[in-house]
Structure formats: structure tokens, C-alpha cells
Amino acid sequence: MKNKIALTGIKPTGTPHIGNYFGAIKPAIELTKEFDARYFIADYHALNSIKDPQQINEMTYEVAATWLACGLDPNKALVYRQSQVPQTFDLSTILLAFTSKGLMNRAHAYKAMVQNNSELKRDLDDGVNMGLFTYPVLMAADILLFDSDVVPVGKDQAQHLEMTIDIAQSVNHIYKSNVLTIPKPLIRESTQTVIGLDGRKMSKSYNNTIPLFLPTKKLRRLIMKVVTNSQTIEEVKDPDKCNVFALYKLFATEVQQNELREMYLKGGMGWGHAKQELFEVMEEMVSPMRENYNELMDNKDFIDKLLDEGSEKAREIASEKIKFVKNILGFK
């Protein structure tokens, strides 16, 4: 029986951090074991906020190298550039005709900019380009073009998929046919939130991230900045209320976790020691991935070849789908 299709888009807008790895990259790579996975670099989505050609190009390489270094097997997933699949924009144009402006008005990103402009007493649409305003439609085209069955999303991104479903259902209703596959969100409750250096959710907006491939010495210096309380070495410490231990659990084995937990509970351990333990388990896991990443970034011709081949396969699939959709709509 044919595997169901899972699709994920990765926007090239910033250096990946360990929150990205545990929250998105690792779970998405695991999906390749049970789904026909299709992963694309959403470079056109990045254009809404980044206009520097060199920066977009470099970040595209960074994203591709990151996923490959983290274990993505291109033989088990279709990997391609969004901008190299023009059928996406054929479908996006079609979908705009079935999308109400009211639906776009409710998109979180647009509403956030309007609210910010209102607070600053600016024109409500100041800084809003049509790429941002219609972002959910392009995202819908990304998903629907490939008959995606499931789309992994975080709870904060679920709205965009709900909009995709609304648009697809509208098309199917009007033409009384299953023109577009209705995708389902794949929200994994087990995917935990990764905390940052200050104990809040790891996010570039909080400036509390730990970059995934930071060089060894810089990684150690950064780990030593994880926020802790003012308890002395002698005092017993609670591992379940500790930022260091919360991060440690992501990397350590169960045996390692139990050993460090005992040290917390019996006292006599300083925060410097706990942070060193965290650094060592992180370095053990990240080091081989960092090495692979650096090798890939030094071999961009390989990345170009892989993305070009993946994009060619994606175009073949997309061409058949857009031909089918246009035929239903009356376009010959």
C-alpha cells in the first residue's frame, strides 16, 4: 500500500539552534520511516522579510547542510527548492480566487503587524507587503500541490494549516469533486518545548538560543551563561526546577540523567560542574553533526546538485497535479 505523504517547508531565515533540532528537524527526519516525505526550502517565503540575494542564497545552503548533517537521507525524502517549482505559483494564483480577504485579515502574522502599527500610531498597513498578506495562500499551494496527507506543525502554526483546509474544501465544494487532498495537521504532543539560556522558550526573538553548530570553545562559553539561581555548592538543588538539567535531559541517557540527579539531591555540587556536564553531553552529540555540516558547507556544488535533482523530481509530480487541477477548472 502506498505510504501517506508528509510535507514540511523550512524557511531559510537564520542560524539553526538546538530548539529547531529537537522541535522540528529530528521529528521530521523520523517521519521518513513511515511517510513518503517531501521537504522543501521555502526561499520565496523568506523573500517577505529578506531582500538580500546573497543572504537568501547562503541561508538556503545552511538549511540544506543542517538537515543533511542531522541525518536526513535524500534517498528517503524528496528535497527541493520552492523557487524551482513554478507550478506552486500556478496553484497559488488559482487558490487566490477561492480565498476571501476576510480570511487573510485573520492571519496571525498580518494581525500582529497591524496591532504593532496601531500601538505605534502608524498607518495600519505600514510595512505590510502582499507577500506577507497572502502568505497563507502560498503555503496552501505548497501543501496542496503535492497531495499532502499530513503536515507537521507546531501549535503556534496550526492556523495556517486550518486556512489551507478551508481553501481546499471551498474548491472541492464548488467543483463537487476531490480536486485537492485535504491535509491533516500532525501535532506531536511529545515534542517538548526546548528552553533557552534564560529559561524561556528558545527563540531568536528572545536572543536566548544555542546555535546548533557552534564551535566547541564558543559552545562551552555559551553553556556557562545558562541562567541558574544563587544556591551555594553545599545546598541541595532541585533538578526539576533547573534550566541546566532541563537541557541536559535532551542529550543525556537515562543512566546519565539519574547520576546527575543524585548529585543535585545530595548537595556538594556547584553550578559550574552541572554546566560542564551539560556541555560534555552536548558536545558528544553535536560534534559529528558539526563536522558533517562544515564539510557540506565547503562543498556547495554537492548541495546544488542534490537540490537541483530533487527540484526536477518535484516539478514532475507538480506538473501532473496542476494539469489535473486546470482540467477540472476548464483550462486546457
C-alpha atoms as a PDB file:
ATOM      1  CA  MET A   1       0.000   0.000   0.000  1.00  0.00           C
ATOM      2  CA  LYS A   2       1.260   3.463  -0.878  1.00  0.00           C
ATOM      3  CA  ASN A   3       2.642   5.431   2.036  1.00  0.00           C
ATOM      4  CA  LYS A   4       0.882   8.610   3.030  1.00  0.00           C
ATOM      5  CA  ILE A   5       2.608  11.866   2.140  1.00  0.00           C
ATOM      6  CA  ALA A   6       4.124  14.192   4.745  1.00  0.00           C
ATOM      7  CA  LEU A   7       5.309  17.646   3.710  1.00  0.00           C
ATOM      8  CA  THR A   8       7.379  20.236   5.542  1.00  0.00           C
ATOM      9  CA  GLY A   9       8.680  23.630   4.447  1.00  0.00           C
ATOM     10  CA  ILE A  10      11.793  25.118   6.016  1.00  0.00           C
ATOM     11  CA  LYS A  11      12.204  28.876   5.735  1.00  0.00           C
ATOM     12  CA  PRO A  12      15.872  29.938   5.356  1.00  0.00           C
ATOM     13  CA  THR A  13      15.859  32.795   7.829  1.00  0.00           C
ATOM     14  CA  GLY A  14      18.528  32.365  10.461  1.00  0.00           C
ATOM     15  CA  THR A  15      21.117  30.069  12.027  1.00  0.00           C
ATOM     16  CA  PRO A  16      19.508  26.826  13.293  1.00  0.00           C
ATOM     17  CA  HIS A  17      19.597  26.261  17.051  1.00  0.00           C
ATOM     18  CA  ILE A  18      19.016  23.230  19.257  1.00  0.00           C
ATOM     19  CA  GLY A  19      15.355  24.194  19.687  1.00  0.00           C
ATOM     20  CA  ASN A  20      14.947  23.821  15.923  1.00  0.00           C
ATOM     21  CA  TYR A  21      16.660  20.439  16.064  1.00  0.00           C
ATOM     22  CA  PHE A  22      14.514  18.856  18.783  1.00  0.00           C
ATOM     23  CA  GLY A  23      11.316  20.689  17.885  1.00  0.00           C
ATOM     24  CA  ALA A  24      11.327  20.291  14.098  1.00  0.00           C
ATOM     25  CA  ILE A  25      14.350  18.693  12.439  1.00  0.00           C
ATOM     26  CA  LYS A  26      14.630  15.460  14.426  1.00  0.00           C
ATOM     27  CA  PRO A  27      10.853  14.710  14.415  1.00  0.00           C
ATOM     28  CA  ALA A  28      10.648  15.461  10.681  1.00  0.00           C
ATOM     29  CA  ILE A  29      13.540  13.134   9.880  1.00  0.00           C
ATOM     30  CA  GLU A  30      11.838  10.389  11.907  1.00  0.00           C
ATOM     31  CA  LEU A  31       8.749  10.802   9.702  1.00  0.00           C
ATOM     32  CA  THR A  32      10.711   9.471   6.728  1.00  0.00           C
ATOM     33  CA  LYS A  33      10.450   5.999   8.301  1.00  0.00           C
ATOM     34  CA  GLU A  34       6.676   5.854   7.865  1.00  0.00           C
ATOM     35  CA  PHE A  35       5.739   8.523   5.310  1.00  0.00           C
ATOM     36  CA  ASP A  36       6.585   9.492   1.766  1.00  0.00           C
ATOM     37  CA  ALA A  37       8.350  12.656   2.928  1.00  0.00           C
ATOM     38  CA  ARG A  38       8.713  15.830   0.905  1.00  0.00           C
ATOM     39  CA  TYR A  39      10.814  18.632   2.386  1.00  0.00           C
ATOM     40  CA  PHE A  40      11.357  21.941   0.643  1.00  0.00           C
ATOM     41  CA  ILE A  41      13.370  25.062   1.327  1.00  0.00           C
ATOM     42  CA  ALA A  42      10.851  27.899   1.384  1.00  0.00           C
ATOM     43  CA  ASP A  43      13.033  30.571  -0.184  1.00  0.00           C
ATOM     44  CA  TYR A  44      10.110  32.547  -1.642  1.00  0.00           C
ATOM     45  CA  HIS A  45       8.569  32.771   1.828  1.00  0.00           C
ATOM     46  CA  ALA A  46      11.873  34.190   3.082  1.00  0.00           C
ATOM     47  CA  LEU A  47      11.653  36.957   0.493  1.00  0.00           C
ATOM     48  CA  ASN A  48       8.919  38.653   2.538  1.00  0.00           C
ATOM     49  CA  SER A  49      11.488  39.675   5.132  1.00  0.00           C
ATOM     50  CA  ILE A  50      14.888  39.286   3.444  1.00  0.00           C
ATOM     51  CA  LYS A  51      15.739  41.145   0.246  1.00  0.00           C
ATOM     52  CA  ASP A  52      19.494  40.475   0.107  1.00  0.00           C
ATOM     53  CA  PRO A  53      20.152  37.869  -2.659  1.00  0.00           C
ATOM     54  CA  GLN A  54      23.430  36.725  -1.130  1.00  0.00           C
ATOM     55  CA  GLN A  55      21.847  36.278   2.296  1.00  0.00           C
ATOM     56  CA  ILE A  56      18.953  34.189   0.968  1.00  0.00           C
ATOM     57  CA  ASN A  57      21.345  32.073  -1.074  1.00  0.00           C
ATOM     58  CA  GLU A  58      23.690  31.469   1.854  1.00  0.00           C
ATOM     59  CA  MET A  59      20.835  30.646   4.213  1.00  0.00           C
ATOM     60  CA  THR A  60      19.492  28.155   1.669  1.00  0.00           C
ATOM     61  CA  TYR A  61      22.824  26.329   1.805  1.00  0.00           C
ATOM     62  CA  GLU A  62      22.787  26.500   5.609  1.00  0.00           C
ATOM     63  CA  VAL A  63      19.326  24.931   5.816  1.00  0.00           C
ATOM     64  CA  ALA A  64      20.178  22.148   3.370  1.00  0.00           C
ATOM     65  CA  ALA A  65      23.501  21.409   5.074  1.00  0.00           C
ATOM     66  CA  THR A  66      21.852  21.419   8.508  1.00  0.00           C
ATOM     67  CA  TRP A  67      19.187  18.870   7.618  1.00  0.00           C
ATOM     68  CA  LEU A  68      21.670  16.613   5.840  1.00  0.00           C
ATOM     69  CA  ALA A  69      24.163  16.840   8.705  1.00  0.00           C
ATOM     70  CA  CYS A  70      21.394  15.991  11.186  1.00  0.00           C
ATOM     71  CA  GLY A  71      20.657  12.748   9.343  1.00  0.00           C
ATOM     72  CA  LEU A  72      18.175  13.486   6.558  1.00  0.00           C
ATOM     73  CA  ASP A  73      18.667  10.857   3.857  1.00  0.00           C
ATOM     74  CA  PRO A  74      17.819  12.337   0.422  1.00  0.00           C
ATOM     75  CA  ASN A  75      17.137   8.782  -0.765  1.00  0.00           C
ATOM     76  CA  LYS A  76      14.263   8.589   1.717  1.00  0.00           C
ATOM     77  CA  ALA A  77      12.814  12.051   1.166  1.00  0.00           C
ATOM     78  CA  LEU A  78      12.253  14.427  -1.725  1.00  0.00           C
ATOM     79  CA  VAL A  79      14.281  17.573  -1.008  1.00  0.00           C
ATOM     80  CA  TYR A  80      13.839  20.628  -3.228  1.00  0.00           C
ATOM     81  CA  ARG A  81      13.804  24.407  -3.531  1.00  0.00           C
ATOM     82  CA  GLN A  82      10.385  26.060  -3.536  1.00  0.00           C
ATOM     83  CA  SER A  83      11.544  28.613  -6.105  1.00  0.00           C
ATOM     84  CA  GLN A  84      12.425  25.849  -8.571  1.00  0.00           C
ATOM     85  CA  VAL A  85       8.861  24.509  -8.732  1.00  0.00           C
ATOM     86  CA  PRO A  86       6.901  27.112 -10.757  1.00  0.00           C
ATOM     87  CA  GLN A  87       3.707  25.041 -10.566  1.00  0.00           C
ATOM     88  CA  THR A  88       3.453  26.164  -6.953  1.00  0.00           C
ATOM     89  CA  PHE A  89       2.714  29.656  -8.187  1.00  0.00           C
ATOM     90  CA  ASP A  90       0.229  28.462 -10.780  1.00  0.00           C
ATOM     91  CA  LEU A  91      -1.732  26.854  -7.965  1.00  0.00           C
ATOM     92  CA  SER A  92      -1.245  29.834  -5.659  1.00  0.00           C
ATOM     93  CA  THR A  93      -2.814  32.134  -8.282  1.00  0.00           C
ATOM     94  CA  ILE A  94      -5.734  29.734  -8.670  1.00  0.00           C
ATOM     95  CA  LEU A  95      -6.269  29.492  -4.913  1.00  0.00           C
ATOM     96  CA  LEU A  96      -6.394  33.273  -4.533  1.00  0.00           C
ATOM     97  CA  ALA A  97      -9.683  33.186  -6.456  1.00  0.00           C
ATOM     98  CA  PHE A  98     -11.166  30.957  -3.746  1.00  0.00           C
ATOM     99  CA  THR A  99      -9.786  32.846  -0.742  1.00  0.00           C
ATOM    100  CA  SER A 100     -11.671  35.640   0.982  1.00  0.00           C
ATOM    101  CA  LYS A 101      -9.863  38.763   2.109  1.00  0.00           C
ATOM    102  CA  GLY A 102     -11.530  38.280   5.477  1.00  0.00           C
ATOM    103  CA  LEU A 103      -9.685  35.008   5.918  1.00  0.00           C
ATOM    104  CA  MET A 104      -6.364  36.716   5.217  1.00  0.00           C
ATOM    105  CA  ASN A 105      -7.264  39.507   7.647  1.00  0.00           C
ATOM    106  CA  ARG A 106      -7.308  36.902  10.414  1.00  0.00           C
ATOM    107  CA  ALA A 107      -3.811  35.546   9.745  1.00  0.00           C
ATOM    108  CA  HIS A 108      -1.642  35.849  12.865  1.00  0.00           C
ATOM    109  CA  ALA A 109       1.387  37.432  11.156  1.00  0.00           C
ATOM    110  CA  TYR A 110      -0.728  40.119   9.489  1.00  0.00           C
ATOM    111  CA  LYS A 111      -2.743  40.832  12.645  1.00  0.00           C
ATOM    112  CA  ALA A 112       0.462  41.162  14.670  1.00  0.00           C
ATOM    113  CA  MET A 113       1.853  43.782  12.274  1.00  0.00           C
ATOM    114  CA  VAL A 114      -1.432  45.703  12.256  1.00  0.00           C
ATOM    115  CA  GLN A 115      -1.542  45.672  16.053  1.00  0.00           C
ATOM    116  CA  ASN A 116       2.072  46.832  16.278  1.00  0.00           C
ATOM    117  CA  ASN A 117       1.394  49.677  13.817  1.00  0.00           C
ATOM    118  CA  SER A 118      -1.670  50.682  15.808  1.00  0.00           C
ATOM    119  CA  GLU A 119       0.327  50.844  19.053  1.00  0.00           C
ATOM    120  CA  LEU A 120       2.967  52.970  17.318  1.00  0.00           C
ATOM    121  CA  LYS A 121       0.232  55.168  15.785  1.00  0.00           C
ATOM    122  CA  ARG A 122       1.302  54.353  12.229  1.00  0.00           C
ATOM    123  CA  ASP A 123      -0.807  53.547   9.206  1.00  0.00           C
ATOM    124  CA  LEU A 124      -2.227  50.092  10.000  1.00  0.00           C
ATOM    125  CA  ASP A 125      -0.727  48.537   6.873  1.00  0.00           C
ATOM    126  CA  ASP A 126       2.687  50.174   7.204  1.00  0.00           C
ATOM    127  CA  GLY A 127       5.372  47.668   6.214  1.00  0.00           C
ATOM    128  CA  VAL A 128       2.852  45.057   5.073  1.00  0.00           C
ATOM    129  CA  ASN A 129       3.655  43.666   1.628  1.00  0.00           C
ATOM    130  CA  MET A 130       1.283  41.463  -0.317  1.00  0.00           C
ATOM    131  CA  GLY A 131       3.659  38.539   0.067  1.00  0.00           C
ATOM    132  CA  LEU A 132       3.119  38.645   3.816  1.00  0.00           C
ATOM    133  CA  PHE A 133      -0.621  39.292   3.483  1.00  0.00           C
ATOM    134  CA  THR A 134      -1.143  36.319   1.150  1.00  0.00           C
ATOM    135  CA  TYR A 135       1.464  34.115   2.847  1.00  0.00           C
ATOM    136  CA  PRO A 136      -1.174  31.547   3.895  1.00  0.00           C
ATOM    137  CA  VAL A 137      -2.275  31.101   0.265  1.00  0.00           C
ATOM    138  CA  LEU A 138       1.244  30.371  -0.960  1.00  0.00           C
ATOM    139  CA  MET A 139       1.649  27.976   1.952  1.00  0.00           C
ATOM    140  CA  ALA A 140      -1.612  26.301   0.950  1.00  0.00           C
ATOM    141  CA  ALA A 141      -0.281  25.885  -2.598  1.00  0.00           C
ATOM    142  CA  ASP A 142       2.942  24.354  -1.249  1.00  0.00           C
ATOM    143  CA  ILE A 143       0.882  21.760   0.618  1.00  0.00           C
ATOM    144  CA  LEU A 144      -1.957  21.056  -1.813  1.00  0.00           C
ATOM    145  CA  LEU A 145       0.205  20.760  -4.912  1.00  0.00           C
ATOM    146  CA  PHE A 146       1.744  17.561  -3.567  1.00  0.00           C
ATOM    147  CA  ASP A 147      -1.441  15.902  -2.235  1.00  0.00           C
ATOM    148  CA  SER A 148      -0.012  16.063   1.270  1.00  0.00           C
ATOM    149  CA  ASP A 149      -1.823  13.849   3.764  1.00  0.00           C
ATOM    150  CA  VAL A 150      -0.165  15.235   6.871  1.00  0.00           C
ATOM    151  CA  VAL A 151       1.762  18.386   7.690  1.00  0.00           C
ATOM    152  CA  PRO A 152       3.819  18.568  10.909  1.00  0.00           C
ATOM    153  CA  VAL A 153       3.056  21.874  12.619  1.00  0.00           C
ATOM    154  CA  GLY A 154       3.627  23.458  15.976  1.00  0.00           C
ATOM    155  CA  LYS A 155       0.592  24.646  17.894  1.00  0.00           C
ATOM    156  CA  ASP A 156       1.522  28.226  17.030  1.00  0.00           C
ATOM    157  CA  GLN A 157       1.451  27.401  13.298  1.00  0.00           C
ATOM    158  CA  ALA A 158      -1.773  25.391  13.238  1.00  0.00           C
ATOM    159  CA  GLN A 159      -3.800  28.367  11.946  1.00  0.00           C
ATOM    160  CA  HIS A 160      -2.059  28.324   8.556  1.00  0.00           C
ATOM    161  CA  LEU A 161      -2.963  24.690   8.034  1.00  0.00           C
ATOM    162  CA  GLU A 162      -6.542  25.389   9.070  1.00  0.00           C
ATOM    163  CA  MET A 163      -6.647  28.053   6.350  1.00  0.00           C
ATOM    164  CA  THR A 164      -5.249  25.555   3.840  1.00  0.00           C
ATOM    165  CA  ILE A 165      -8.048  23.152   4.733  1.00  0.00           C
ATOM    166  CA  ASP A 166     -10.678  25.912   4.399  1.00  0.00           C
ATOM    167  CA  ILE A 167      -9.421  26.866   0.940  1.00  0.00           C
ATOM    168  CA  ALA A 168      -9.196  23.262  -0.272  1.00  0.00           C
ATOM    169  CA  GLN A 169     -12.683  22.460   0.977  1.00  0.00           C
ATOM    170  CA  SER A 170     -14.032  25.518  -0.828  1.00  0.00           C
ATOM    171  CA  VAL A 171     -12.540  24.336  -4.134  1.00  0.00           C
ATOM    172  CA  ASN A 172     -13.781  20.779  -3.649  1.00  0.00           C
ATOM    173  CA  HIS A 173     -17.285  22.001  -2.738  1.00  0.00           C
ATOM    174  CA  ILE A 174     -17.616  24.278  -5.759  1.00  0.00           C
ATOM    175  CA  TYR A 175     -16.487  21.600  -8.226  1.00  0.00           C
ATOM    176  CA  LYS A 176     -18.196  18.746  -6.341  1.00  0.00           C
ATOM    177  CA  SER A 177     -15.038  16.709  -6.677  1.00  0.00           C
ATOM    178  CA  ASN A 178     -11.941  15.795  -4.671  1.00  0.00           C
ATOM    179  CA  VAL A 179      -9.819  18.235  -6.622  1.00  0.00           C
ATOM    180  CA  LEU A 180      -7.464  18.780  -3.699  1.00  0.00           C
ATOM    181  CA  THR A 181      -6.388  16.385  -0.958  1.00  0.00           C
ATOM    182  CA  ILE A 182      -7.439  17.652   2.471  1.00  0.00           C
ATOM    183  CA  PRO A 183      -4.341  17.562   4.705  1.00  0.00           C
ATOM    184  CA  LYS A 184      -4.347  16.852   8.413  1.00  0.00           C
ATOM    185  CA  PRO A 185      -2.145  18.552  10.989  1.00  0.00           C
ATOM    186  CA  LEU A 186       0.421  16.364  12.691  1.00  0.00           C
ATOM    187  CA  ILE A 187       0.905  17.926  16.102  1.00  0.00           C
ATOM    188  CA  ARG A 188       3.069  15.697  18.275  1.00  0.00           C
ATOM    189  CA  GLU A 189       2.364  16.386  21.921  1.00  0.00           C
ATOM    190  CA  SER A 190       5.542  14.508  22.853  1.00  0.00           C
ATOM    191  CA  THR A 191       7.695  17.122  21.122  1.00  0.00           C
ATOM    192  CA  GLN A 192       8.650  19.214  24.104  1.00  0.00           C
ATOM    193  CA  THR A 193       9.415  22.889  24.199  1.00  0.00           C
ATOM    194  CA  VAL A 194      13.152  23.490  24.393  1.00  0.00           C
ATOM    195  CA  ILE A 195      14.133  26.209  26.850  1.00  0.00           C
ATOM    196  CA  GLY A 196      16.771  28.809  26.096  1.00  0.00           C
ATOM    197  CA  LEU A 197      19.656  30.204  28.120  1.00  0.00           C
ATOM    198  CA  ASP A 198      17.263  32.241  30.281  1.00  0.00           C
ATOM    199  CA  GLY A 199      14.646  29.554  30.911  1.00  0.00           C
ATOM    200  CA  ARG A 200      12.117  30.903  28.416  1.00  0.00           C
ATOM    201  CA  LYS A 201      11.265  29.076  25.201  1.00  0.00           C
ATOM    202  CA  MET A 202      14.343  29.073  22.967  1.00  0.00           C
ATOM    203  CA  SER A 203      13.730  31.731  20.336  1.00  0.00           C
ATOM    204  CA  LYS A 204      15.748  34.145  18.228  1.00  0.00           C
ATOM    205  CA  SER A 205      13.347  36.883  19.305  1.00  0.00           C
ATOM    206  CA  TYR A 206      14.415  36.345  22.937  1.00  0.00           C
ATOM    207  CA  ASN A 207      18.115  36.196  21.986  1.00  0.00           C
ATOM    208  CA  ASN A 208      18.448  33.095  24.170  1.00  0.00           C
ATOM    209  CA  THR A 209      19.356  30.453  21.587  1.00  0.00           C
ATOM    210  CA  ILE A 210      22.164  27.912  21.478  1.00  0.00           C
ATOM    211  CA  PRO A 211      23.256  27.625  17.829  1.00  0.00           C
ATOM    212  CA  LEU A 212      23.357  24.017  16.706  1.00  0.00           C
ATOM    213  CA  PHE A 213      26.836  24.009  15.180  1.00  0.00           C
ATOM    214  CA  LEU A 214      28.684  26.473  17.398  1.00  0.00           C
ATOM    215  CA  PRO A 215      32.447  25.688  17.600  1.00  0.00           C
ATOM    216  CA  THR A 216      33.480  23.749  20.704  1.00  0.00           C
ATOM    217  CA  LYS A 217      35.047  26.602  22.687  1.00  0.00           C
ATOM    218  CA  LYS A 218      32.214  29.016  21.892  1.00  0.00           C
ATOM    219  CA  LEU A 219      29.658  26.362  22.811  1.00  0.00           C
ATOM    220  CA  ARG A 220      31.229  25.863  26.228  1.00  0.00           C
ATOM    221  CA  ARG A 221      31.360  29.612  26.892  1.00  0.00           C
ATOM    222  CA  LEU A 222      27.682  29.907  25.973  1.00  0.00           C
ATOM    223  CA  ILE A 223      26.638  26.958  28.152  1.00  0.00           C
ATOM    224  CA  MET A 224      28.312  28.637  31.106  1.00  0.00           C
ATOM    225  CA  LYS A 225      25.816  31.500  30.618  1.00  0.00           C
ATOM    226  CA  VAL A 226      22.733  29.351  31.276  1.00  0.00           C
ATOM    227  CA  VAL A 227      20.758  31.149  33.999  1.00  0.00           C
ATOM    228  CA  THR A 228      20.748  29.455  37.426  1.00  0.00           C
ATOM    229  CA  ASN A 229      19.765  30.525  40.934  1.00  0.00           C
ATOM    230  CA  SER A 230      22.102  31.714  43.688  1.00  0.00           C
ATOM    231  CA  GLN A 231      22.330  28.466  45.676  1.00  0.00           C
ATOM    232  CA  THR A 232      25.733  27.624  47.107  1.00  0.00           C
ATOM    233  CA  ILE A 233      27.734  24.465  46.358  1.00  0.00           C
ATOM    234  CA  GLU A 234      26.697  22.829  49.647  1.00  0.00           C
ATOM    235  CA  GLU A 235      22.948  23.278  49.155  1.00  0.00           C
ATOM    236  CA  VAL A 236      20.666  20.553  47.813  1.00  0.00           C
ATOM    237  CA  LYS A 237      19.304  21.523  44.404  1.00  0.00           C
ATOM    238  CA  ASP A 238      16.070  20.616  42.613  1.00  0.00           C
ATOM    239  CA  PRO A 239      16.858  19.210  39.144  1.00  0.00           C
ATOM    240  CA  ASP A 240      13.232  19.590  38.054  1.00  0.00           C
ATOM    241  CA  LYS A 241      13.381  23.350  38.532  1.00  0.00           C
ATOM    242  CA  CYS A 242      16.732  23.876  36.843  1.00  0.00           C
ATOM    243  CA  ASN A 243      17.430  25.224  33.358  1.00  0.00           C
ATOM    244  CA  VAL A 244      20.704  23.300  33.144  1.00  0.00           C
ATOM    245  CA  PHE A 245      19.072  19.963  33.933  1.00  0.00           C
ATOM    246  CA  ALA A 246      16.158  20.641  31.550  1.00  0.00           C
ATOM    247  CA  LEU A 247      18.673  20.996  28.716  1.00  0.00           C
ATOM    248  CA  TYR A 248      20.789  18.087  29.979  1.00  0.00           C
ATOM    249  CA  LYS A 249      17.817  15.696  29.635  1.00  0.00           C
ATOM    250  CA  LEU A 250      17.643  16.374  25.902  1.00  0.00           C
ATOM    251  CA  PHE A 251      21.131  14.980  25.326  1.00  0.00           C
ATOM    252  CA  ALA A 252      21.859  12.548  28.158  1.00  0.00           C
ATOM    253  CA  THR A 253      20.973   8.871  28.517  1.00  0.00           C
ATOM    254  CA  GLU A 254      18.637   7.792  31.293  1.00  0.00           C
ATOM    255  CA  VAL A 255      21.605   6.489  33.272  1.00  0.00           C
ATOM    256  CA  GLN A 256      23.443   9.824  32.912  1.00  0.00           C
ATOM    257  CA  GLN A 257      20.312  11.720  33.967  1.00  0.00           C
ATOM    258  CA  ASN A 258      19.894   9.604  37.096  1.00  0.00           C
ATOM    259  CA  GLU A 259      23.550  10.066  38.069  1.00  0.00           C
ATOM    260  CA  LEU A 260      23.404  13.853  37.718  1.00  0.00           C
ATOM    261  CA  ARG A 261      20.040  13.951  39.518  1.00  0.00           C
ATOM    262  CA  GLU A 262      21.630  12.215  42.523  1.00  0.00           C
ATOM    263  CA  MET A 263      24.386  14.835  42.583  1.00  0.00           C
ATOM    264  CA  TYR A 264      21.750  17.601  42.639  1.00  0.00           C
ATOM    265  CA  LEU A 265      19.857  15.974  45.508  1.00  0.00           C
ATOM    266  CA  LYS A 266      22.773  15.168  47.805  1.00  0.00           C
ATOM    267  CA  GLY A 267      24.387  18.614  47.642  1.00  0.00           C
ATOM    268  CA  GLY A 268      28.060  19.464  47.241  1.00  0.00           C
ATOM    269  CA  MET A 269      27.779  20.266  43.545  1.00  0.00           C
ATOM    270  CA  GLY A 270      28.246  23.749  42.094  1.00  0.00           C
ATOM    271  CA  TRP A 271      26.517  25.157  39.042  1.00  0.00           C
ATOM    272  CA  GLY A 272      29.821  25.208  37.174  1.00  0.00           C
ATOM    273  CA  HIS A 273      30.046  21.427  37.483  1.00  0.00           C
ATOM    274  CA  ALA A 274      26.444  20.945  36.273  1.00  0.00           C
ATOM    275  CA  LYS A 275      27.084  23.193  33.284  1.00  0.00           C
ATOM    276  CA  GLN A 276      30.260  21.288  32.428  1.00  0.00           C
ATOM    277  CA  GLU A 277      28.256  18.040  32.456  1.00  0.00           C
ATOM    278  CA  LEU A 278      25.741  19.652  30.099  1.00  0.00           C
ATOM    279  CA  PHE A 279      28.486  20.854  27.773  1.00  0.00           C
ATOM    280  CA  GLU A 280      30.087  17.396  27.591  1.00  0.00           C
ATOM    281  CA  VAL A 281      26.898  15.526  26.611  1.00  0.00           C
ATOM    282  CA  MET A 282      26.005  18.239  24.101  1.00  0.00           C
ATOM    283  CA  GLU A 283      29.435  18.188  22.536  1.00  0.00           C
ATOM    284  CA  GLU A 284      29.357  14.395  22.262  1.00  0.00           C
ATOM    285  CA  MET A 285      26.129  14.500  20.237  1.00  0.00           C
ATOM    286  CA  VAL A 286      26.692  17.677  18.253  1.00  0.00           C
ATOM    287  CA  SER A 287      30.359  17.204  17.332  1.00  0.00           C
ATOM    288  CA  PRO A 288      29.882  14.664  14.485  1.00  0.00           C
ATOM    289  CA  MET A 289      26.953  16.655  13.095  1.00  0.00           C
ATOM    290  CA  ARG A 290      29.037  19.836  13.226  1.00  0.00           C
ATOM    291  CA  GLU A 291      31.817  18.112  11.310  1.00  0.00           C
ATOM    292  CA  ASN A 292      29.373  16.919   8.636  1.00  0.00           C
ATOM    293  CA  TYR A 293      27.820  20.379   8.421  1.00  0.00           C
ATOM    294  CA  ASN A 294      31.177  22.087   7.885  1.00  0.00           C
ATOM    295  CA  GLU A 295      32.132  19.573   5.189  1.00  0.00           C
ATOM    296  CA  LEU A 296      28.828  20.177   3.384  1.00  0.00           C
ATOM    297  CA  MET A 297      29.212  23.957   3.565  1.00  0.00           C
ATOM    298  CA  ASP A 298      32.642  23.531   1.976  1.00  0.00           C
ATOM    299  CA  ASN A 299      31.061  21.507  -0.832  1.00  0.00           C
ATOM    300  CA  LYS A 300      28.189  23.651  -2.069  1.00  0.00           C
ATOM    301  CA  ASP A 301      28.336  22.066  -5.512  1.00  0.00           C
ATOM    302  CA  PHE A 302      27.100  18.857  -3.884  1.00  0.00           C
ATOM    303  CA  ILE A 303      24.203  20.742  -2.253  1.00  0.00           C
ATOM    304  CA  ASP A 304      23.321  22.422  -5.561  1.00  0.00           C
ATOM    305  CA  LYS A 305      23.297  19.059  -7.344  1.00  0.00           C
ATOM    306  CA  LEU A 306      21.113  17.462  -4.696  1.00  0.00           C
ATOM    307  CA  LEU A 307      18.604  20.339  -4.689  1.00  0.00           C
ATOM    308  CA  ASP A 308      18.536  20.539  -8.484  1.00  0.00           C
ATOM    309  CA  GLU A 309      17.804  16.822  -8.782  1.00  0.00           C
ATOM    310  CA  GLY A 310      15.162  16.985  -6.070  1.00  0.00           C
ATOM    311  CA  SER A 311      13.550  20.026  -7.654  1.00  0.00           C
ATOM    312  CA  GLU A 312      13.394  18.267 -11.013  1.00  0.00           C
ATOM    313  CA  LYS A 313      11.514  15.341  -9.446  1.00  0.00           C
ATOM    314  CA  ALA A 314       9.245  17.781  -7.604  1.00  0.00           C
ATOM    315  CA  ARG A 315       8.403  19.549 -10.870  1.00  0.00           C
ATOM    316  CA  GLU A 316       7.417  16.244 -12.458  1.00  0.00           C
ATOM    317  CA  ILE A 317       4.986  15.487  -9.632  1.00  0.00           C
ATOM    318  CA  ALA A 318       3.683  19.066  -9.540  1.00  0.00           C
ATOM    319  CA  SER A 319       3.188  19.200 -13.314  1.00  0.00           C
ATOM    320  CA  GLU A 320       0.778  16.260 -13.209  1.00  0.00           C
ATOM    321  CA  LYS A 321      -1.191  17.786 -10.330  1.00  0.00           C
ATOM    322  CA  ILE A 322      -1.507  21.245 -11.876  1.00  0.00           C
ATOM    323  CA  LYS A 323      -2.581  19.680 -15.179  1.00  0.00           C
ATOM    324  CA  PHE A 324      -5.310  17.770 -13.299  1.00  0.00           C
ATOM    325  CA  VAL A 325      -6.488  20.886 -11.433  1.00  0.00           C
ATOM    326  CA  LYS A 326      -6.546  23.080 -14.551  1.00  0.00           C
ATOM    327  CA  ASN A 327      -8.561  20.478 -16.425  1.00  0.00           C
ATOM    328  CA  ILE A 328     -11.224  20.436 -13.682  1.00  0.00           C
ATOM    329  CA  LEU A 329     -11.332  24.251 -13.729  1.00  0.00           C
ATOM    330  CA  GLY A 330     -11.801  24.319 -17.517  1.00  0.00           C
ATOM    331  CA  PHE A 331      -8.299  25.384 -18.557  1.00  0.00           C
ATOM    332  CA  LYS A 332      -6.910  23.371 -21.484  1.00  0.00           C
END
